N, C-alpha and C. Protein backbone atom coordinates (compact mmCIF):
# COMPACT_ATOMS: atom_id res chain seq x y z
N VAL A 1 -38.25 10.59 26.96
CA VAL A 1 -38.82 11.53 27.49
C VAL A 1 -38.89 13.04 26.33
N PRO A 2 -40.34 12.99 26.16
CA PRO A 2 -40.94 14.11 25.30
C PRO A 2 -39.95 15.61 25.40
N PRO A 3 -39.47 16.33 24.61
CA PRO A 3 -39.18 17.67 24.79
C PRO A 3 -40.00 18.14 25.95
N SER A 4 -39.86 19.62 26.45
CA SER A 4 -40.63 20.02 27.24
C SER A 4 -41.13 21.82 26.08
N LEU A 5 -42.14 22.14 26.46
CA LEU A 5 -42.54 23.37 25.76
C LEU A 5 -42.14 24.76 26.39
N GLU A 6 -41.73 24.22 27.59
CA GLU A 6 -40.98 25.43 28.46
C GLU A 6 -40.00 25.85 28.26
N SER A 7 -39.68 27.23 28.37
CA SER A 7 -37.86 27.83 27.67
C SER A 7 -37.70 28.78 28.06
N GLU A 8 -36.40 28.93 28.55
CA GLU A 8 -36.15 30.51 28.77
C GLU A 8 -35.89 31.53 27.90
N VAL A 9 -36.36 31.13 26.96
CA VAL A 9 -36.22 32.12 25.41
C VAL A 9 -37.47 32.59 25.33
N ALA A 10 -37.74 33.78 25.22
CA ALA A 10 -38.77 34.40 24.72
C ALA A 10 -39.51 34.10 22.94
N PRO A 11 -40.97 33.98 23.18
CA PRO A 11 -41.25 33.30 21.62
C PRO A 11 -41.15 34.37 21.02
N PRO A 12 -41.02 34.37 19.86
CA PRO A 12 -40.87 35.58 18.46
C PRO A 12 -42.10 36.14 18.67
N PRO A 13 -41.45 37.56 18.32
CA PRO A 13 -43.04 38.29 18.08
C PRO A 13 -44.21 37.85 17.06
N GLY A 14 -45.35 38.20 17.81
CA GLY A 14 -46.46 37.37 17.02
C GLY A 14 -46.68 35.83 17.19
N VAL A 15 -45.87 35.19 18.44
CA VAL A 15 -46.28 33.76 18.49
C VAL A 15 -46.87 34.17 19.71
N ASP A 16 -47.80 33.44 20.37
CA ASP A 16 -48.47 33.26 21.23
C ASP A 16 -48.50 31.56 21.69
N PRO A 17 -47.61 31.37 22.90
CA PRO A 17 -47.63 30.16 22.99
C PRO A 17 -48.77 29.49 23.77
N ALA A 18 -49.75 30.20 24.30
CA ALA A 18 -50.82 29.69 24.68
C ALA A 18 -51.43 29.02 23.79
N ARG A 19 -52.04 29.84 22.61
CA ARG A 19 -52.51 29.75 21.43
C ARG A 19 -52.02 28.60 20.47
N LEU A 20 -50.72 28.51 20.37
CA LEU A 20 -50.21 26.92 19.88
C LEU A 20 -50.49 26.10 20.79
N ALA A 21 -50.54 26.07 21.97
CA ALA A 21 -50.35 25.16 23.18
C ALA A 21 -51.89 24.24 22.68
N LEU A 22 -52.47 25.35 22.26
CA LEU A 22 -54.13 25.25 21.93
C LEU A 22 -53.78 24.02 20.85
N LEU A 23 -53.54 25.01 19.66
CA LEU A 23 -53.68 24.41 18.38
C LEU A 23 -52.64 23.16 18.45
N ALA A 24 -51.79 22.45 19.19
CA ALA A 24 -50.94 21.40 19.12
C ALA A 24 -52.14 20.35 19.80
N SER A 25 -52.55 20.84 20.61
CA SER A 25 -53.74 19.93 21.26
C SER A 25 -54.97 19.30 20.57
N LEU A 26 -55.17 20.16 19.67
CA LEU A 26 -56.68 19.95 18.97
C LEU A 26 -56.12 19.11 17.78
N ALA A 27 -54.93 19.28 17.21
CA ALA A 27 -54.22 18.56 16.23
C ALA A 27 -53.62 17.00 16.71
N ALA A 28 -53.27 16.77 18.39
CA ALA A 28 -53.41 15.39 18.85
C ALA A 28 -54.08 15.15 18.79
N THR A 29 -56.14 15.85 19.11
CA THR A 29 -57.12 15.06 19.78
C THR A 29 -57.65 14.57 18.34
N GLU A 30 -57.72 15.15 17.12
CA GLU A 30 -58.01 14.73 15.66
C GLU A 30 -57.21 14.05 15.58
N ALA A 31 -55.97 13.97 15.35
CA ALA A 31 -55.02 12.33 15.45
C ALA A 31 -55.45 11.39 16.11
N HIS A 32 -55.56 11.34 17.43
CA HIS A 32 -55.68 10.06 18.19
C HIS A 32 -57.62 9.99 17.80
N ARG A 33 -57.99 10.64 17.52
CA ARG A 33 -59.93 10.07 16.60
C ARG A 33 -59.76 9.35 15.68
N LEU A 34 -58.90 10.09 14.19
CA LEU A 34 -58.89 9.69 13.20
C LEU A 34 -58.08 8.03 13.36
N LEU A 35 -56.93 8.05 14.19
CA LEU A 35 -56.26 6.74 13.96
C LEU A 35 -57.28 5.49 15.16
N ALA A 36 -57.84 5.92 16.02
CA ALA A 36 -59.17 5.14 16.69
C ALA A 36 -60.05 4.85 15.51
N ASP A 37 -60.67 5.58 15.06
CA ASP A 37 -61.26 5.22 13.75
C ASP A 37 -61.38 4.18 12.92
N ALA A 38 -59.41 4.68 12.23
CA ALA A 38 -59.03 3.64 11.36
C ALA A 38 -58.63 2.31 11.79
N LEU A 39 -58.36 2.11 13.17
CA LEU A 39 -58.25 0.85 13.96
C LEU A 39 -59.36 0.14 14.31
N SER A 40 -60.11 0.98 14.83
CA SER A 40 -61.56 -0.03 14.69
C SER A 40 -62.16 -0.53 13.84
N SER A 41 -62.13 -0.11 12.64
CA SER A 41 -62.68 -0.19 11.42
C SER A 41 -62.59 -1.89 11.16
N GLY A 42 -61.14 -1.81 11.42
CA GLY A 42 -60.77 -3.62 10.84
C GLY A 42 -60.34 -3.41 9.23
N LEU A 43 -60.96 -1.92 8.78
CA LEU A 43 -60.79 -2.35 7.06
C LEU A 43 -59.22 -1.43 6.69
N GLY A 44 -58.53 -1.26 7.55
CA GLY A 44 -56.93 -0.93 7.15
C GLY A 44 -57.43 0.22 6.61
N ARG A 45 -56.63 0.53 5.62
CA ARG A 45 -56.77 1.93 5.46
C ARG A 45 -57.80 2.45 4.60
N ARG A 46 -58.10 3.65 5.06
CA ARG A 46 -59.56 4.07 4.07
C ARG A 46 -59.54 5.94 3.62
N ASP A 47 -60.01 6.13 3.32
CA ASP A 47 -60.52 7.74 2.82
C ASP A 47 -60.96 8.21 3.94
N VAL A 48 -60.42 9.30 4.26
CA VAL A 48 -60.87 9.99 5.46
C VAL A 48 -61.55 11.06 5.00
N GLY A 49 -62.04 11.07 4.18
CA GLY A 49 -62.81 12.45 3.08
C GLY A 49 -61.38 13.98 2.60
N PRO A 50 -62.29 14.42 2.15
CA PRO A 50 -61.43 15.53 1.46
C PRO A 50 -61.25 16.84 2.40
N GLU A 51 -59.94 17.27 2.08
CA GLU A 51 -59.22 18.27 3.13
C GLU A 51 -60.21 19.27 3.17
N PRO A 52 -60.74 20.02 4.67
CA PRO A 52 -61.26 21.02 4.95
C PRO A 52 -60.98 22.51 4.17
N THR A 53 -62.16 23.06 4.19
CA THR A 53 -61.65 24.32 3.38
C THR A 53 -61.12 25.30 4.18
N VAL A 54 -60.49 26.25 3.85
CA VAL A 54 -60.26 27.23 4.78
C VAL A 54 -61.26 27.59 5.74
N ALA A 55 -61.94 28.10 5.42
CA ALA A 55 -63.58 28.19 6.25
C ALA A 55 -64.13 27.10 7.40
N GLN A 56 -63.99 25.65 6.93
CA GLN A 56 -63.90 24.69 7.72
C GLN A 56 -63.42 24.35 8.45
N ASP A 57 -62.17 24.75 8.60
CA ASP A 57 -60.66 24.32 9.19
C ASP A 57 -60.88 25.41 10.10
N ALA A 58 -61.23 26.96 9.87
CA ALA A 58 -61.65 28.32 10.86
C ALA A 58 -62.43 27.37 12.12
N VAL A 59 -63.50 27.09 11.43
CA VAL A 59 -64.99 26.75 12.47
C VAL A 59 -64.47 25.61 13.45
N ARG A 60 -63.66 24.61 12.57
CA ARG A 60 -62.91 23.68 13.87
C ARG A 60 -62.56 24.46 14.60
N LEU A 61 -61.14 25.31 14.45
CA LEU A 61 -60.86 25.69 15.41
C LEU A 61 -61.11 26.49 16.48
N ALA A 62 -62.30 27.60 16.05
CA ALA A 62 -62.94 28.33 16.93
C ALA A 62 -63.92 27.41 18.04
N ALA A 63 -64.11 26.14 17.34
CA ALA A 63 -64.99 25.30 18.19
C ALA A 63 -64.36 25.22 19.77
N GLY A 64 -62.82 24.65 19.43
CA GLY A 64 -62.20 24.55 20.55
C GLY A 64 -61.62 25.62 21.63
N ASP A 65 -62.76 26.91 21.65
CA ASP A 65 -62.44 27.67 22.18
C ASP A 65 -61.08 28.68 22.59
N PRO A 66 -60.41 29.05 21.33
CA PRO A 66 -59.03 29.71 21.29
C PRO A 66 -59.11 30.55 22.19
N GLY A 67 -60.07 31.91 22.49
CA GLY A 67 -59.74 33.11 23.46
C GLY A 67 -60.33 34.26 21.84
N PRO A 68 -60.56 35.63 22.38
CA PRO A 68 -61.66 36.46 21.53
C PRO A 68 -60.14 36.69 20.37
N ASP A 69 -59.31 37.21 20.76
CA ASP A 69 -57.72 37.26 19.91
C ASP A 69 -57.58 36.54 18.69
N ALA A 70 -57.45 35.26 19.22
CA ALA A 70 -57.41 34.16 17.89
C ALA A 70 -58.55 34.18 17.29
N LEU A 71 -59.77 34.22 17.71
CA LEU A 71 -60.94 33.90 16.90
C LEU A 71 -61.16 34.94 16.00
N GLY A 72 -60.51 36.41 16.38
CA GLY A 72 -60.32 37.42 15.55
C GLY A 72 -59.31 37.25 14.24
N ARG A 73 -58.26 36.52 14.85
CA ARG A 73 -57.59 36.41 13.60
C ARG A 73 -58.10 35.13 12.76
N LEU A 74 -58.93 34.01 13.33
CA LEU A 74 -59.43 33.14 12.00
C LEU A 74 -60.47 33.89 11.84
N GLY A 75 -61.12 34.46 11.78
CA GLY A 75 -62.23 35.43 10.92
C GLY A 75 -61.37 35.86 9.89
N GLU A 76 -60.51 36.84 10.06
CA GLU A 76 -59.69 37.46 9.59
C GLU A 76 -59.44 36.51 8.04
N GLY A 77 -58.46 35.59 9.18
CA GLY A 77 -57.68 34.69 8.03
C GLY A 77 -58.48 33.75 6.97
N SER A 78 -59.84 33.50 7.36
CA SER A 78 -60.76 33.20 6.74
C SER A 78 -61.95 33.65 5.96
N GLY A 79 -61.59 34.70 5.76
CA GLY A 79 -62.70 35.55 5.33
C GLY A 79 -63.99 35.88 5.66
N ARG A 80 -63.80 35.55 6.97
CA ARG A 80 -65.07 35.61 7.65
C ARG A 80 -64.75 36.96 9.01
N THR A 81 -65.71 38.15 9.09
CA THR A 81 -65.49 38.98 10.20
C THR A 81 -66.82 39.29 10.74
């Protein structure tokens, strides 16, 4: 049984559980896409391309509709305001 994200303990300051759940969901979706692509190609290991830049990753995360507060933090953290 996977661990539950529910807890009686309050999150530490600065941690937004809803945004963290969104980030986990986006990461799982991308991992699933990469795995499905790798398995369907029949080529075994192959290059998935370069790591995204900070700006590219911020755009990817923003596309998940994280909400206005998170959008502001993404813009700030990636040098876009």
